[in-house]
Amino acid sequence: MVDIKFGPSKEKLVLAAGCSNGAILIFRPKEIFSVENWVAEFEFVASTNGITSISWSQCSYEPLMLAIGCCSKPSSDLFVIEDTHEGLVQIWWINEKAGVCERAIKDIKENHKETVNDVAWAPFMARSFHILLSCSIDCSIIFWKINPEINKEGDMVDIHIDIMNKINLELIVYT
């Protein structure tokens, strides 16, 4: 495991775990008041190169969304899993009715050039969109503007992602 995060409080107890082989597991306890027995409800592979970080959206009235930061190059200890979707920043959502996790968008056109170290959702403060930040080994920080379209049944039907800002930081070496 390389990262683990509890989900938003609206979901009681839900836990996402990211593995070095690129797999993501979503767990819930069998009983809400007992944390002894956890069940993996969902499992999917985000990247054959591995993942580095995960972050839950905290919005209380939309389906659960999970941002994932991924490695740009495979690690030698990873095994290859076929039929995956690659991308250094990914957004997945849990479709509770269908019982699956789905990639919210297949192709983010502009992205980092190297491994993404971390992803983080900004607090949701009654904006009409979400803000996701990602930072990379390539010394860049990207502010993503995310607009999910939700139908009357509460399902995500589409998602629009744009770059609000990209900052390239220069490494400063002190001697």
N, C-alpha and C. Protein backbone atom coordinates (compact mmCIF):
# COMPACT_ATOMS: atom_id res chain seq x y z
N MET A 1 0.84 -1.18 0.00
CA MET A 1 0.00 0.00 0.00
C MET A 1 0.89 1.25 0.00
N VAL A 2 0.48 2.21 -0.81
CA VAL A 2 1.23 3.47 -0.85
C VAL A 2 0.43 4.65 -0.32
N ASP A 3 -0.91 4.52 -0.26
CA ASP A 3 -1.72 5.60 0.29
C ASP A 3 -3.06 5.01 0.76
N ILE A 4 -3.63 5.64 1.77
CA ILE A 4 -4.91 5.19 2.32
C ILE A 4 -5.64 6.42 2.85
N LYS A 5 -6.94 6.51 2.54
CA LYS A 5 -7.72 7.68 2.96
C LYS A 5 -9.14 7.25 3.32
N PHE A 6 -9.66 7.82 4.43
CA PHE A 6 -11.07 7.68 4.74
C PHE A 6 -11.86 8.57 3.79
N GLY A 7 -13.06 8.13 3.44
CA GLY A 7 -13.94 8.90 2.57
C GLY A 7 -14.63 10.02 3.33
N PRO A 8 -15.46 10.78 2.62
CA PRO A 8 -16.16 11.90 3.27
C PRO A 8 -17.13 11.40 4.33
N SER A 9 -17.42 12.26 5.31
CA SER A 9 -18.25 11.86 6.45
C SER A 9 -19.67 11.49 6.05
N LYS A 10 -20.18 11.98 4.93
CA LYS A 10 -21.54 11.65 4.49
C LYS A 10 -21.70 10.15 4.26
N GLU A 11 -20.61 9.45 4.04
CA GLU A 11 -20.65 8.02 3.73
C GLU A 11 -20.42 7.14 4.94
N LYS A 12 -20.49 7.68 6.12
CA LYS A 12 -20.18 6.93 7.35
C LYS A 12 -18.72 6.47 7.30
N LEU A 13 -18.49 5.19 7.15
CA LEU A 13 -17.10 4.70 7.03
C LEU A 13 -16.87 4.09 5.66
N VAL A 14 -16.00 4.69 4.92
CA VAL A 14 -15.53 4.15 3.64
C VAL A 14 -14.05 4.46 3.55
N LEU A 15 -13.29 3.55 3.02
CA LEU A 15 -11.83 3.67 3.01
C LEU A 15 -11.31 3.31 1.63
N ALA A 16 -10.43 4.12 1.09
CA ALA A 16 -9.76 3.81 -0.18
C ALA A 16 -8.31 3.51 0.11
N ALA A 17 -7.80 2.46 -0.50
CA ALA A 17 -6.39 2.08 -0.35
C ALA A 17 -5.79 1.97 -1.75
N GLY A 18 -4.63 2.58 -1.93
CA GLY A 18 -3.93 2.52 -3.20
C GLY A 18 -2.69 1.66 -3.08
N CYS A 19 -2.49 0.79 -4.05
CA CYS A 19 -1.37 -0.16 -4.02
C CYS A 19 -0.30 0.21 -5.03
N SER A 20 0.92 -0.25 -4.78
CA SER A 20 2.03 0.05 -5.68
C SER A 20 1.85 -0.58 -7.05
N ASN A 21 0.99 -1.59 -7.16
CA ASN A 21 0.75 -2.20 -8.47
C ASN A 21 -0.31 -1.46 -9.27
N GLY A 22 -0.83 -0.34 -8.74
CA GLY A 22 -1.81 0.48 -9.44
C GLY A 22 -3.24 0.17 -9.09
N ALA A 23 -3.46 -0.84 -8.24
CA ALA A 23 -4.82 -1.20 -7.85
C ALA A 23 -5.35 -0.26 -6.77
N ILE A 24 -6.64 0.00 -6.83
CA ILE A 24 -7.35 0.77 -5.82
C ILE A 24 -8.42 -0.14 -5.23
N LEU A 25 -8.48 -0.18 -3.92
CA LEU A 25 -9.50 -0.98 -3.22
C LEU A 25 -10.35 -0.05 -2.37
N ILE A 26 -11.67 -0.23 -2.43
CA ILE A 26 -12.61 0.55 -1.63
C ILE A 26 -13.22 -0.40 -0.60
N PHE A 27 -13.04 -0.09 0.69
CA PHE A 27 -13.50 -0.93 1.79
C PHE A 27 -14.61 -0.25 2.58
N ARG A 28 -15.50 -1.07 3.13
CA ARG A 28 -16.48 -0.62 4.13
C ARG A 28 -16.55 -1.70 5.20
N PRO A 29 -16.84 -1.30 6.45
CA PRO A 29 -16.97 -2.33 7.50
C PRO A 29 -18.28 -3.10 7.33
N LYS A 30 -18.27 -4.37 7.73
CA LYS A 30 -19.50 -5.17 7.67
C LYS A 30 -20.57 -4.57 8.56
N GLU A 31 -20.16 -4.08 9.73
CA GLU A 31 -21.08 -3.44 10.66
C GLU A 31 -20.54 -2.04 10.96
N ILE A 32 -21.42 -1.06 10.92
CA ILE A 32 -21.00 0.33 11.06
C ILE A 32 -20.37 0.63 12.42
N PHE A 33 -20.79 -0.08 13.47
CA PHE A 33 -20.26 0.19 14.80
C PHE A 33 -19.11 -0.74 15.18
N SER A 34 -18.69 -1.58 14.26
CA SER A 34 -17.57 -2.48 14.51
C SER A 34 -16.59 -2.36 13.36
N VAL A 35 -15.38 -1.97 13.67
CA VAL A 35 -14.39 -1.79 12.61
C VAL A 35 -13.44 -3.00 12.51
N GLU A 36 -13.89 -4.13 13.01
CA GLU A 36 -13.05 -5.32 12.99
C GLU A 36 -13.05 -6.02 11.65
N ASN A 37 -14.18 -6.04 10.95
CA ASN A 37 -14.29 -6.77 9.69
C ASN A 37 -14.63 -5.82 8.54
N TRP A 38 -13.65 -5.60 7.69
CA TRP A 38 -13.82 -4.73 6.54
C TRP A 38 -13.95 -5.59 5.29
N VAL A 39 -14.78 -5.13 4.36
CA VAL A 39 -15.02 -5.86 3.12
C VAL A 39 -14.61 -4.97 1.95
N ALA A 40 -13.87 -5.54 1.01
CA ALA A 40 -13.51 -4.81 -0.21
C ALA A 40 -14.73 -4.83 -1.14
N GLU A 41 -15.40 -3.67 -1.26
CA GLU A 41 -16.59 -3.58 -2.11
C GLU A 41 -16.24 -3.39 -3.57
N PHE A 42 -15.16 -2.66 -3.83
CA PHE A 42 -14.75 -2.36 -5.19
C PHE A 42 -13.25 -2.54 -5.32
N GLU A 43 -12.81 -2.96 -6.50
CA GLU A 43 -11.38 -3.03 -6.81
C GLU A 43 -11.22 -2.75 -8.29
N PHE A 44 -10.29 -1.87 -8.60
CA PHE A 44 -10.00 -1.57 -10.00
C PHE A 44 -8.54 -1.18 -10.13
N VAL A 45 -8.03 -1.21 -11.34
CA VAL A 45 -6.64 -0.82 -11.61
C VAL A 45 -6.65 0.53 -12.30
N ALA A 46 -6.01 1.51 -11.67
CA ALA A 46 -5.94 2.85 -12.24
C ALA A 46 -4.77 2.99 -13.21
N SER A 47 -3.64 2.37 -12.89
CA SER A 47 -2.44 2.54 -13.72
C SER A 47 -1.52 1.33 -13.57
N THR A 48 -1.04 0.83 -14.68
CA THR A 48 -0.07 -0.27 -14.62
C THR A 48 1.29 0.21 -14.13
N ASN A 49 1.52 1.51 -14.14
CA ASN A 49 2.78 2.07 -13.64
C ASN A 49 2.78 2.27 -12.14
N GLY A 50 1.63 2.15 -11.51
CA GLY A 50 1.52 2.36 -10.06
C GLY A 50 0.90 3.71 -9.75
N ILE A 51 0.44 3.83 -8.50
CA ILE A 51 -0.15 5.09 -8.06
C ILE A 51 0.66 5.64 -6.89
N THR A 52 0.52 6.93 -6.66
CA THR A 52 1.27 7.58 -5.59
C THR A 52 0.36 8.18 -4.52
N SER A 53 -0.86 8.58 -4.91
CA SER A 53 -1.72 9.29 -3.96
C SER A 53 -3.18 9.17 -4.37
N ILE A 54 -4.05 9.30 -3.35
CA ILE A 54 -5.49 9.30 -3.57
C ILE A 54 -6.13 10.39 -2.71
N SER A 55 -7.26 10.91 -3.17
CA SER A 55 -7.96 11.95 -2.41
C SER A 55 -9.45 11.90 -2.76
N TRP A 56 -10.30 11.92 -1.72
CA TRP A 56 -11.75 11.90 -1.89
C TRP A 56 -12.30 13.32 -2.05
N SER A 57 -13.26 13.52 -2.95
CA SER A 57 -14.03 14.75 -2.99
C SER A 57 -14.92 14.79 -1.76
N GLN A 58 -15.06 15.95 -1.15
CA GLN A 58 -15.85 16.09 0.08
C GLN A 58 -17.27 16.60 -0.16
N CYS A 59 -17.67 16.72 -1.41
CA CYS A 59 -19.01 17.23 -1.73
C CYS A 59 -20.07 16.25 -1.23
N SER A 60 -21.05 16.77 -0.48
CA SER A 60 -22.02 15.90 0.18
C SER A 60 -23.21 15.51 -0.69
N TYR A 61 -23.43 16.16 -1.81
CA TYR A 61 -24.63 15.86 -2.58
C TYR A 61 -24.33 15.25 -3.95
N GLU A 62 -23.10 14.87 -4.21
CA GLU A 62 -22.74 14.23 -5.47
C GLU A 62 -22.22 12.82 -5.19
N PRO A 63 -22.18 11.99 -6.23
CA PRO A 63 -21.60 10.65 -6.04
C PRO A 63 -20.16 10.75 -5.55
N LEU A 64 -19.70 9.71 -4.87
CA LEU A 64 -18.31 9.69 -4.39
C LEU A 64 -17.34 9.77 -5.55
N MET A 65 -16.41 10.74 -5.49
CA MET A 65 -15.37 10.87 -6.50
C MET A 65 -14.01 10.73 -5.83
N LEU A 66 -13.10 10.06 -6.52
CA LEU A 66 -11.76 9.80 -6.01
C LEU A 66 -10.75 10.26 -7.04
N ALA A 67 -9.86 11.18 -6.63
CA ALA A 67 -8.76 11.60 -7.51
C ALA A 67 -7.55 10.70 -7.22
N ILE A 68 -6.81 10.37 -8.27
CA ILE A 68 -5.68 9.47 -8.14
C ILE A 68 -4.48 10.06 -8.86
N GLY A 69 -3.34 10.13 -8.15
CA GLY A 69 -2.08 10.53 -8.76
C GLY A 69 -1.30 9.27 -9.13
N CYS A 70 -0.71 9.26 -10.32
CA CYS A 70 -0.07 8.05 -10.83
C CYS A 70 1.40 8.26 -11.19
N CYS A 71 2.11 7.16 -11.28
CA CYS A 71 3.53 7.15 -11.66
C CYS A 71 3.65 7.26 -13.18
N SER A 72 4.70 7.94 -13.63
CA SER A 72 4.92 8.08 -15.07
C SER A 72 5.68 6.90 -15.66
N LYS A 73 6.44 6.20 -14.83
CA LYS A 73 7.23 5.07 -15.30
C LYS A 73 6.98 3.89 -14.37
N PRO A 74 6.98 2.68 -14.93
CA PRO A 74 6.75 1.52 -14.06
C PRO A 74 7.91 1.28 -13.12
N SER A 75 7.59 0.79 -11.94
CA SER A 75 8.59 0.39 -10.98
C SER A 75 8.95 -1.06 -11.25
N SER A 76 10.14 -1.47 -10.92
CA SER A 76 10.60 -2.83 -11.22
C SER A 76 9.83 -3.90 -10.46
N ASP A 77 9.20 -3.55 -9.33
CA ASP A 77 8.50 -4.56 -8.54
C ASP A 77 7.02 -4.70 -8.91
N LEU A 78 6.59 -4.00 -9.95
CA LEU A 78 5.19 -4.06 -10.35
C LEU A 78 4.95 -5.19 -11.33
N PHE A 79 3.80 -5.81 -11.23
CA PHE A 79 3.41 -6.77 -12.25
C PHE A 79 2.45 -6.08 -13.20
N VAL A 80 2.39 -6.54 -14.43
CA VAL A 80 1.59 -5.88 -15.46
C VAL A 80 0.17 -6.44 -15.42
N ILE A 81 -0.80 -5.55 -15.37
CA ILE A 81 -2.20 -5.94 -15.43
C ILE A 81 -2.77 -5.33 -16.71
N GLU A 82 -3.43 -6.13 -17.49
CA GLU A 82 -3.96 -5.65 -18.77
C GLU A 82 -5.28 -4.91 -18.59
N ASP A 83 -5.70 -4.24 -19.67
CA ASP A 83 -6.98 -3.56 -19.74
C ASP A 83 -7.10 -2.45 -18.70
N THR A 84 -6.12 -1.56 -18.63
CA THR A 84 -6.18 -0.43 -17.72
C THR A 84 -6.27 0.87 -18.50
N HIS A 85 -6.62 1.93 -17.80
CA HIS A 85 -6.67 3.27 -18.38
C HIS A 85 -5.52 4.05 -17.77
N GLU A 86 -4.65 4.58 -18.61
CA GLU A 86 -3.50 5.31 -18.09
C GLU A 86 -3.79 6.81 -18.05
N GLY A 87 -3.01 7.53 -17.30
CA GLY A 87 -3.13 8.96 -17.12
C GLY A 87 -2.52 9.32 -15.79
N LEU A 88 -1.80 10.42 -15.71
CA LEU A 88 -1.10 10.77 -14.47
C LEU A 88 -2.02 11.36 -13.41
N VAL A 89 -3.10 12.00 -13.81
CA VAL A 89 -4.14 12.45 -12.88
C VAL A 89 -5.44 11.84 -13.37
N GLN A 90 -6.10 11.10 -12.49
CA GLN A 90 -7.33 10.43 -12.86
C GLN A 90 -8.43 10.74 -11.85
N ILE A 91 -9.67 10.74 -12.32
CA ILE A 91 -10.82 10.90 -11.45
C ILE A 91 -11.77 9.73 -11.72
N TRP A 92 -12.10 9.02 -10.66
CA TRP A 92 -13.02 7.89 -10.71
C TRP A 92 -14.20 8.21 -9.81
N TRP A 93 -15.36 7.64 -10.11
CA TRP A 93 -16.52 7.82 -9.25
C TRP A 93 -17.15 6.47 -8.99
N ILE A 94 -17.80 6.36 -7.84
CA ILE A 94 -18.45 5.12 -7.45
C ILE A 94 -19.91 5.18 -7.89
N ASN A 95 -20.27 4.29 -8.80
CA ASN A 95 -21.65 4.15 -9.26
C ASN A 95 -22.30 3.09 -8.38
N GLU A 96 -22.91 3.52 -7.28
CA GLU A 96 -23.49 2.61 -6.29
C GLU A 96 -24.59 1.73 -6.91
N LYS A 97 -25.42 2.31 -7.80
CA LYS A 97 -26.53 1.55 -8.38
C LYS A 97 -26.02 0.40 -9.24
N ALA A 98 -24.99 0.65 -10.03
CA ALA A 98 -24.44 -0.40 -10.90
C ALA A 98 -23.43 -1.27 -10.17
N GLY A 99 -22.97 -0.81 -9.00
CA GLY A 99 -22.00 -1.59 -8.23
C GLY A 99 -20.62 -1.61 -8.85
N VAL A 100 -20.22 -0.50 -9.49
CA VAL A 100 -18.91 -0.43 -10.13
C VAL A 100 -18.27 0.94 -9.89
N CYS A 101 -16.95 0.98 -10.05
CA CYS A 101 -16.22 2.25 -10.09
C CYS A 101 -15.95 2.56 -11.56
N GLU A 102 -16.19 3.80 -11.95
CA GLU A 102 -16.02 4.19 -13.34
C GLU A 102 -15.06 5.36 -13.45
N ARG A 103 -14.25 5.33 -14.48
CA ARG A 103 -13.36 6.45 -14.75
C ARG A 103 -14.21 7.60 -15.25
N ALA A 104 -14.11 8.75 -14.61
CA ALA A 104 -14.96 9.89 -14.94
C ALA A 104 -14.62 10.49 -16.29
N ILE A 105 -13.37 10.46 -16.66
CA ILE A 105 -12.95 11.00 -17.96
C ILE A 105 -11.78 10.16 -18.43
N LYS A 106 -11.80 9.82 -19.70
CA LYS A 106 -10.79 8.90 -20.23
C LYS A 106 -9.50 9.60 -20.64
N ASP A 107 -9.61 10.84 -21.07
CA ASP A 107 -8.43 11.50 -21.62
C ASP A 107 -8.36 12.94 -21.14
N ILE A 108 -7.42 13.22 -20.26
CA ILE A 108 -7.15 14.60 -19.87
C ILE A 108 -6.03 15.09 -20.78
N LYS A 109 -6.34 16.06 -21.63
CA LYS A 109 -5.41 16.45 -22.69
C LYS A 109 -4.09 17.02 -22.17
N GLU A 110 -4.16 17.96 -21.26
CA GLU A 110 -2.94 18.53 -20.70
C GLU A 110 -2.72 17.90 -19.34
N ASN A 111 -1.48 17.60 -19.03
CA ASN A 111 -1.21 16.89 -17.80
C ASN A 111 0.23 17.15 -17.39
N HIS A 112 0.63 16.54 -16.32
CA HIS A 112 2.02 16.61 -15.89
C HIS A 112 2.87 15.75 -16.83
N LYS A 113 4.16 16.01 -16.83
CA LYS A 113 5.08 15.24 -17.67
C LYS A 113 5.75 14.10 -16.89
N GLU A 114 5.73 14.18 -15.57
CA GLU A 114 6.37 13.17 -14.73
C GLU A 114 5.41 12.71 -13.64
N THR A 115 5.86 11.79 -12.81
CA THR A 115 5.05 11.21 -11.73
C THR A 115 4.38 12.29 -10.89
N VAL A 116 3.09 12.07 -10.60
CA VAL A 116 2.33 12.98 -9.74
C VAL A 116 2.55 12.55 -8.30
N ASN A 117 3.07 13.45 -7.48
CA ASN A 117 3.35 13.15 -6.07
C ASN A 117 2.11 13.16 -5.19
N ASP A 118 1.18 14.10 -5.46
CA ASP A 118 0.02 14.21 -4.59
C ASP A 118 -1.14 14.86 -5.34
N VAL A 119 -2.35 14.53 -4.90
CA VAL A 119 -3.58 15.16 -5.39
C VAL A 119 -4.40 15.56 -4.17
N ALA A 120 -5.12 16.68 -4.27
CA ALA A 120 -5.94 17.15 -3.14
C ALA A 120 -7.10 17.98 -3.66
N TRP A 121 -8.29 17.69 -3.14
CA TRP A 121 -9.48 18.48 -3.46
C TRP A 121 -9.52 19.71 -2.55
N ALA A 122 -9.87 20.84 -3.12
CA ALA A 122 -10.10 22.04 -2.31
C ALA A 122 -11.43 21.86 -1.58
N PRO A 123 -11.58 22.48 -0.40
CA PRO A 123 -12.88 22.41 0.28
C PRO A 123 -13.99 22.91 -0.65
N PHE A 124 -15.11 22.24 -0.63
CA PHE A 124 -16.24 22.62 -1.48
C PHE A 124 -17.01 23.74 -0.77
N MET A 125 -16.99 24.94 -1.35
CA MET A 125 -17.55 26.11 -0.68
C MET A 125 -18.63 26.77 -1.54
N ALA A 126 -19.65 25.97 -1.92
CA ALA A 126 -20.81 26.46 -2.68
C ALA A 126 -20.44 27.03 -4.04
N ARG A 127 -19.33 26.57 -4.59
CA ARG A 127 -19.00 26.94 -5.98
C ARG A 127 -19.81 26.05 -6.90
N SER A 128 -19.92 26.43 -8.15
CA SER A 128 -20.61 25.59 -9.13
C SER A 128 -19.67 24.55 -9.74
N PHE A 129 -18.44 24.49 -9.23
CA PHE A 129 -17.45 23.55 -9.73
C PHE A 129 -16.53 23.14 -8.59
N HIS A 130 -15.72 22.12 -8.83
CA HIS A 130 -14.73 21.66 -7.86
C HIS A 130 -13.35 22.12 -8.28
N ILE A 131 -12.44 22.21 -7.32
CA ILE A 131 -11.04 22.49 -7.62
C ILE A 131 -10.21 21.32 -7.09
N LEU A 132 -9.38 20.78 -7.97
CA LEU A 132 -8.46 19.72 -7.61
C LEU A 132 -7.05 20.22 -7.89
N LEU A 133 -6.14 19.99 -6.96
CA LEU A 133 -4.74 20.35 -7.18
C LEU A 133 -3.93 19.08 -7.33
N SER A 134 -2.91 19.15 -8.17
CA SER A 134 -1.96 18.05 -8.32
C SER A 134 -0.57 18.63 -8.42
N CYS A 135 0.40 17.91 -7.83
CA CYS A 135 1.79 18.36 -7.94
C CYS A 135 2.62 17.18 -8.42
N SER A 136 3.71 17.51 -9.11
CA SER A 136 4.47 16.49 -9.80
C SER A 136 5.97 16.65 -9.58
N ILE A 137 6.69 15.57 -9.85
CA ILE A 137 8.15 15.61 -9.84
C ILE A 137 8.68 16.62 -10.86
N ASP A 138 7.89 16.92 -11.90
CA ASP A 138 8.32 17.89 -12.92
C ASP A 138 8.26 19.33 -12.43
N CYS A 139 8.07 19.51 -11.12
CA CYS A 139 8.05 20.83 -10.46
C CYS A 139 6.85 21.68 -10.88
N SER A 140 5.74 21.05 -11.19
CA SER A 140 4.56 21.81 -11.56
C SER A 140 3.41 21.50 -10.61
N ILE A 141 2.57 22.51 -10.45
CA ILE A 141 1.32 22.38 -9.71
C ILE A 141 0.21 22.76 -10.68
N ILE A 142 -0.81 21.90 -10.78
CA ILE A 142 -1.93 22.20 -11.66
C ILE A 142 -3.19 22.36 -10.81
N PHE A 143 -3.92 23.45 -11.07
CA PHE A 143 -5.23 23.70 -10.49
C PHE A 143 -6.26 23.26 -11.52
N TRP A 144 -7.00 22.19 -11.24
CA TRP A 144 -7.99 21.65 -12.16
C TRP A 144 -9.38 22.17 -11.79
N LYS A 145 -10.14 22.61 -12.77
CA LYS A 145 -11.54 23.00 -12.58
C LYS A 145 -12.39 21.83 -13.05
N ILE A 146 -13.22 21.29 -12.16
CA ILE A 146 -13.97 20.08 -12.45
C ILE A 146 -15.47 20.35 -12.31
N ASN A 147 -16.21 20.13 -13.38
CA ASN A 147 -17.66 20.33 -13.40
C ASN A 147 -18.36 19.01 -13.71
N PRO A 148 -18.79 18.28 -12.69
CA PRO A 148 -19.57 17.06 -12.98
C PRO A 148 -21.02 17.41 -13.31
N GLU A 149 -21.60 16.68 -14.25
CA GLU A 149 -23.02 16.82 -14.55
C GLU A 149 -23.74 15.63 -13.93
N ILE A 150 -24.67 15.93 -13.04
CA ILE A 150 -25.41 14.90 -12.31
C ILE A 150 -26.87 14.94 -12.75
N ASN A 151 -27.46 13.77 -13.06
CA ASN A 151 -28.86 13.73 -13.46
C ASN A 151 -29.78 13.70 -12.23
N LYS A 152 -31.08 13.66 -12.44
CA LYS A 152 -32.05 13.70 -11.34
C LYS A 152 -31.94 12.49 -10.41
N GLU A 153 -31.45 11.36 -10.93
CA GLU A 153 -31.30 10.15 -10.12
C GLU A 153 -30.02 10.17 -9.29
N GLY A 154 -29.19 11.20 -9.48
CA GLY A 154 -27.95 11.30 -8.73
C GLY A 154 -26.76 10.62 -9.38
N ASP A 155 -26.90 10.22 -10.65
CA ASP A 155 -25.81 9.58 -11.37
C ASP A 155 -25.01 10.62 -12.14
N MET A 156 -23.71 10.38 -12.24
CA MET A 156 -22.87 11.26 -13.04
C MET A 156 -23.04 10.90 -14.51
N VAL A 157 -23.43 11.86 -15.33
CA VAL A 157 -23.62 11.60 -16.75
C VAL A 157 -22.48 12.14 -17.60
N ASP A 158 -21.78 13.12 -17.08
CA ASP A 158 -20.64 13.69 -17.81
C ASP A 158 -19.80 14.48 -16.82
N ILE A 159 -18.58 14.77 -17.23
CA ILE A 159 -17.70 15.59 -16.41
C ILE A 159 -16.82 16.43 -17.33
N HIS A 160 -16.65 17.68 -16.97
CA HIS A 160 -15.82 18.59 -17.75
C HIS A 160 -14.62 18.99 -16.89
N ILE A 161 -13.44 18.87 -17.45
CA ILE A 161 -12.22 19.19 -16.71
C ILE A 161 -11.39 20.18 -17.52
N ASP A 162 -11.01 21.26 -16.88
CA ASP A 162 -10.16 22.27 -17.51
C ASP A 162 -9.04 22.64 -16.54
N ILE A 163 -7.95 23.15 -17.09
CA ILE A 163 -6.87 23.66 -16.26
C ILE A 163 -7.14 25.14 -15.97
N MET A 164 -7.25 25.46 -14.68
CA MET A 164 -7.43 26.86 -14.26
C MET A 164 -6.10 27.59 -14.27
N ASN A 165 -5.06 26.89 -13.80
CA ASN A 165 -3.75 27.50 -13.66
C ASN A 165 -2.69 26.41 -13.59
N LYS A 166 -1.54 26.66 -14.16
CA LYS A 166 -0.41 25.73 -14.05
C LYS A 166 0.80 26.56 -13.63
N ILE A 167 1.40 26.15 -12.53
CA ILE A 167 2.56 26.86 -12.00
C ILE A 167 3.78 25.96 -12.11
N ASN A 168 4.83 26.43 -12.73
CA ASN A 168 6.08 25.70 -12.79
C ASN A 168 7.05 26.32 -11.80
N LEU A 169 7.49 25.51 -10.86
CA LEU A 169 8.40 25.99 -9.81
C LEU A 169 9.84 25.63 -10.18
N GLU A 170 10.72 26.56 -10.00
CA GLU A 170 12.13 26.28 -10.24
C GLU A 170 12.75 25.76 -8.95
N LEU A 171 13.59 24.78 -9.11
CA LEU A 171 14.32 24.26 -7.94
C LEU A 171 15.37 25.26 -7.52
N ILE A 172 15.41 25.55 -6.24
CA ILE A 172 16.39 26.48 -5.72
C ILE A 172 17.38 25.67 -4.89
N VAL A 173 18.63 25.79 -5.24
CA VAL A 173 19.69 25.06 -4.53
C VAL A 173 20.46 26.06 -3.69
N TYR A 174 20.51 25.79 -2.39
CA TYR A 174 21.27 26.64 -1.47
C TYR A 174 22.63 26.02 -1.23
N THR A 175 23.64 26.82 -1.30
CA THR A 175 25.01 26.31 -1.03
C THR A 175 25.56 26.85 0.25
